[in-house]
Amino acid sequence: MKKKLLILFLALLFIILLFFITDFVRIKMNLFPIFSIPLISYRDGGTKEYFGIGYKIFIYPNGKKDIGTWFLQYDNNLYSGPTFNPIYTNDSNLIDYITTHKNILTNQNDLNELIENYYN
């Protein structure tokens, strides 16, 4: 009985290790992981947090990736791209104007200029 449990435990450990190594290699090759699922998406421009069996992966929108245990935390220093503050407005024409010109937005100053151009 103990021998069967040991074999089962080793097989399970091998499978978990195989999942981790596969995702690790795919991350290093700039591919998305296949044995982990995206659970959290941050509002910093598109950072995704993937969870696997015993490990966690962060994929930042600037191309950087971080992989570690479930205790790994989001690192502000790895993402240095533009962040946007939400705009609260009821003006549907302004919302339509911003969404049609969103391809020129790179930082908060561009958004402010776009809003000023709309009202002028």
C-alpha atoms as a PDB file:
ATOM      1  CA  MET A   1       0.000   0.000   0.000  1.00  0.00           C
ATOM      2  CA  LYS A   2       2.774   2.444   0.899  1.00  0.00           C
ATOM      3  CA  LYS A   3       4.583   1.600  -2.315  1.00  0.00           C
ATOM      4  CA  LYS A   4       1.476   2.438  -4.384  1.00  0.00           C
ATOM      5  CA  LEU A   5       1.060   5.762  -2.582  1.00  0.00           C
ATOM      6  CA  LEU A   6       4.713   6.596  -3.166  1.00  0.00           C
ATOM      7  CA  ILE A   7       4.403   5.791  -6.879  1.00  0.00           C
ATOM      8  CA  LEU A   8       1.226   7.874  -7.114  1.00  0.00           C
ATOM      9  CA  PHE A   9       2.894  10.782  -5.300  1.00  0.00           C
ATOM     10  CA  LEU A  10       5.965  10.643  -7.556  1.00  0.00           C
ATOM     11  CA  ALA A  11       3.784  10.495 -10.682  1.00  0.00           C
ATOM     12  CA  LEU A  12       1.795  13.505  -9.510  1.00  0.00           C
ATOM     13  CA  LEU A  13       4.985  15.399  -8.690  1.00  0.00           C
ATOM     14  CA  PHE A  14       6.377  14.553 -12.135  1.00  0.00           C
ATOM     15  CA  ILE A  15       3.234  15.864 -13.861  1.00  0.00           C
ATOM     16  CA  ILE A  16       3.285  19.118 -11.861  1.00  0.00           C
ATOM     17  CA  LEU A  17       6.978  19.580 -12.649  1.00  0.00           C
ATOM     18  CA  LEU A  18       6.301  18.884 -16.321  1.00  0.00           C
ATOM     19  CA  PHE A  19       3.562  21.560 -16.369  1.00  0.00           C
ATOM     20  CA  PHE A  20       5.890  24.102 -14.742  1.00  0.00           C
ATOM     21  CA  ILE A  21       8.804  23.378 -17.085  1.00  0.00           C
ATOM     22  CA  THR A  22       6.546  23.576 -20.148  1.00  0.00           C
ATOM     23  CA  ASP A  23       5.125  26.956 -19.125  1.00  0.00           C
ATOM     24  CA  PHE A  24       8.589  28.210 -18.117  1.00  0.00           C
ATOM     25  CA  VAL A  25      10.050  27.336 -21.524  1.00  0.00           C
ATOM     26  CA  ARG A  26       7.068  28.864 -23.343  1.00  0.00           C
ATOM     27  CA  ILE A  27       7.448  32.099 -21.357  1.00  0.00           C
ATOM     28  CA  LYS A  28      11.158  32.280 -22.205  1.00  0.00           C
ATOM     29  CA  MET A  29      10.271  31.772 -25.907  1.00  0.00           C
ATOM     30  CA  ASN A  30       7.762  34.716 -25.727  1.00  0.00           C
ATOM     31  CA  LEU A  31       4.747  32.410 -25.998  1.00  0.00           C
ATOM     32  CA  PHE A  32       1.742  32.266 -23.713  1.00  0.00           C
ATOM     33  CA  PRO A  33       1.560  29.556 -21.031  1.00  0.00           C
ATOM     34  CA  ILE A  34      -0.737  26.606 -21.701  1.00  0.00           C
ATOM     35  CA  PHE A  35      -0.951  24.927 -18.268  1.00  0.00           C
ATOM     36  CA  SER A  36      -1.917  28.061 -16.322  1.00  0.00           C
ATOM     37  CA  ILE A  37      -5.018  30.198 -16.510  1.00  0.00           C
ATOM     38  CA  PRO A  38      -5.323  33.998 -16.505  1.00  0.00           C
ATOM     39  CA  LEU A  39      -7.260  35.054 -13.418  1.00  0.00           C
ATOM     40  CA  ILE A  40      -6.346  38.710 -12.863  1.00  0.00           C
ATOM     41  CA  SER A  41      -5.934  41.560 -15.322  1.00  0.00           C
ATOM     42  CA  TYR A  42      -4.452  44.769 -13.911  1.00  0.00           C
ATOM     43  CA  ARG A  43      -5.558  48.246 -14.982  1.00  0.00           C
ATOM     44  CA  ASP A  44      -2.047  49.403 -15.801  1.00  0.00           C
ATOM     45  CA  GLY A  45      -2.261  48.847 -19.509  1.00  0.00           C
ATOM     46  CA  GLY A  46      -2.798  45.098 -19.685  1.00  0.00           C
ATOM     47  CA  THR A  47      -0.715  43.149 -17.171  1.00  0.00           C
ATOM     48  CA  LYS A  48      -2.092  39.614 -16.844  1.00  0.00           C
ATOM     49  CA  GLU A  49      -1.590  37.293 -13.898  1.00  0.00           C
ATOM     50  CA  TYR A  50      -1.660  33.560 -14.673  1.00  0.00           C
ATOM     51  CA  PHE A  51      -2.017  30.809 -12.066  1.00  0.00           C
ATOM     52  CA  GLY A  52      -0.658  27.292 -12.499  1.00  0.00           C
ATOM     53  CA  ILE A  53      -0.372  24.395 -10.074  1.00  0.00           C
ATOM     54  CA  GLY A  54       2.020  25.844  -7.494  1.00  0.00           C
ATOM     55  CA  TYR A  55       3.302  28.737  -9.605  1.00  0.00           C
ATOM     56  CA  LYS A  56       2.262  32.166 -10.844  1.00  0.00           C
ATOM     57  CA  ILE A  57       3.184  34.078 -14.014  1.00  0.00           C
ATOM     58  CA  PHE A  58       3.005  37.828 -14.663  1.00  0.00           C
ATOM     59  CA  ILE A  59       3.021  39.024 -18.272  1.00  0.00           C
ATOM     60  CA  TYR A  60       3.466  42.792 -18.510  1.00  0.00           C
ATOM     61  CA  PRO A  61       2.363  44.782 -21.586  1.00  0.00           C
ATOM     62  CA  ASN A  62       5.915  46.003 -22.238  1.00  0.00           C
ATOM     63  CA  GLY A  63       7.033  42.402 -22.912  1.00  0.00           C
ATOM     64  CA  LYS A  64       8.584  41.583 -19.543  1.00  0.00           C
ATOM     65  CA  LYS A  65       7.593  38.368 -17.823  1.00  0.00           C
ATOM     66  CA  ASP A  66       7.977  37.099 -14.275  1.00  0.00           C
ATOM     67  CA  ILE A  67       7.454  33.544 -13.039  1.00  0.00           C
ATOM     68  CA  GLY A  68       7.562  32.210  -9.479  1.00  0.00           C
ATOM     69  CA  THR A  69       5.575  30.605  -6.683  1.00  0.00           C
ATOM     70  CA  TRP A  70       2.079  31.629  -5.626  1.00  0.00           C
ATOM     71  CA  PHE A  71       3.718  34.107  -3.235  1.00  0.00           C
ATOM     72  CA  LEU A  72       5.091  36.173  -6.145  1.00  0.00           C
ATOM     73  CA  GLN A  73       3.729  39.727  -6.048  1.00  0.00           C
ATOM     74  CA  TYR A  74       3.026  42.266  -8.804  1.00  0.00           C
ATOM     75  CA  ASP A  75       6.149  44.392  -9.353  1.00  0.00           C
ATOM     76  CA  ASN A  76       5.661  48.041 -10.348  1.00  0.00           C
ATOM     77  CA  ASN A  77       9.316  48.262 -11.379  1.00  0.00           C
ATOM     78  CA  LEU A  78       8.887  45.694 -14.170  1.00  0.00           C
ATOM     79  CA  TYR A  79       6.170  47.741 -15.857  1.00  0.00           C
ATOM     80  CA  SER A  80       7.176  51.261 -16.764  1.00  0.00           C
ATOM     81  CA  GLY A  81       4.616  52.031 -19.439  1.00  0.00           C
ATOM     82  CA  PRO A  82       1.918  54.701 -19.463  1.00  0.00           C
ATOM     83  CA  THR A  83      -0.887  54.468 -16.966  1.00  0.00           C
ATOM     84  CA  PHE A  84      -4.256  56.105 -17.441  1.00  0.00           C
ATOM     85  CA  ASN A  85      -6.567  57.540 -14.846  1.00  0.00           C
ATOM     86  CA  PRO A  86     -10.241  56.833 -15.481  1.00  0.00           C
ATOM     87  CA  ILE A  87     -12.399  59.679 -16.754  1.00  0.00           C
ATOM     88  CA  TYR A  88     -15.918  59.984 -15.456  1.00  0.00           C
ATOM     89  CA  THR A  89     -18.257  61.774 -17.816  1.00  0.00           C
ATOM     90  CA  ASN A  90     -21.817  61.531 -19.052  1.00  0.00           C
ATOM     91  CA  ASP A  91     -21.051  63.237 -22.375  1.00  0.00           C
ATOM     92  CA  SER A  92     -21.601  60.446 -24.909  1.00  0.00           C
ATOM     93  CA  ASN A  93     -20.213  62.574 -27.748  1.00  0.00           C
ATOM     94  CA  LEU A  94     -16.933  63.010 -25.839  1.00  0.00           C
ATOM     95  CA  ILE A  95     -16.744  59.278 -25.218  1.00  0.00           C
ATOM     96  CA  ASP A  96     -17.291  58.586 -28.928  1.00  0.00           C
ATOM     97  CA  TYR A  97     -14.674  61.199 -29.848  1.00  0.00           C
ATOM     98  CA  ILE A  98     -12.078  59.669 -27.510  1.00  0.00           C
ATOM     99  CA  THR A  99     -12.737  56.101 -28.675  1.00  0.00           C
ATOM    100  CA  THR A 100     -12.334  57.071 -32.337  1.00  0.00           C
ATOM    101  CA  HIS A 101      -9.020  58.849 -31.589  1.00  0.00           C
ATOM    102  CA  LYS A 102      -7.629  56.430 -28.998  1.00  0.00           C
ATOM    103  CA  ASN A 103      -4.810  55.268 -31.291  1.00  0.00           C
ATOM    104  CA  ILE A 104      -2.900  58.537 -30.651  1.00  0.00           C
ATOM    105  CA  LEU A 105      -3.034  58.226 -26.862  1.00  0.00           C
ATOM    106  CA  THR A 106       0.327  57.400 -25.296  1.00  0.00           C
ATOM    107  CA  ASN A 107       0.143  59.223 -21.951  1.00  0.00           C
ATOM    108  CA  GLN A 108      -2.133  61.351 -19.772  1.00  0.00           C
ATOM    109  CA  ASN A 109      -1.034  64.596 -21.486  1.00  0.00           C
ATOM    110  CA  ASP A 110      -2.248  63.291 -24.869  1.00  0.00           C
ATOM    111  CA  LEU A 111      -5.624  62.522 -23.328  1.00  0.00           C
ATOM    112  CA  ASN A 112      -5.851  66.017 -21.856  1.00  0.00           C
ATOM    113  CA  GLU A 113      -4.984  67.544 -25.253  1.00  0.00           C
ATOM    114  CA  LEU A 114      -7.595  65.355 -26.934  1.00  0.00           C
ATOM    115  CA  ILE A 115     -10.271  66.529 -24.491  1.00  0.00           C
ATOM    116  CA  GLU A 116      -9.220  70.180 -24.971  1.00  0.00           C
ATOM    117  CA  ASN A 117      -9.426  69.753 -28.762  1.00  0.00           C
ATOM    118  CA  TYR A 118     -12.912  68.307 -28.413  1.00  0.00           C
ATOM    119  CA  TYR A 119     -14.197  71.273 -26.437  1.00  0.00           C
ATOM    120  CA  ASN A 120     -12.543  73.869 -28.719  1.00  0.00           C
END
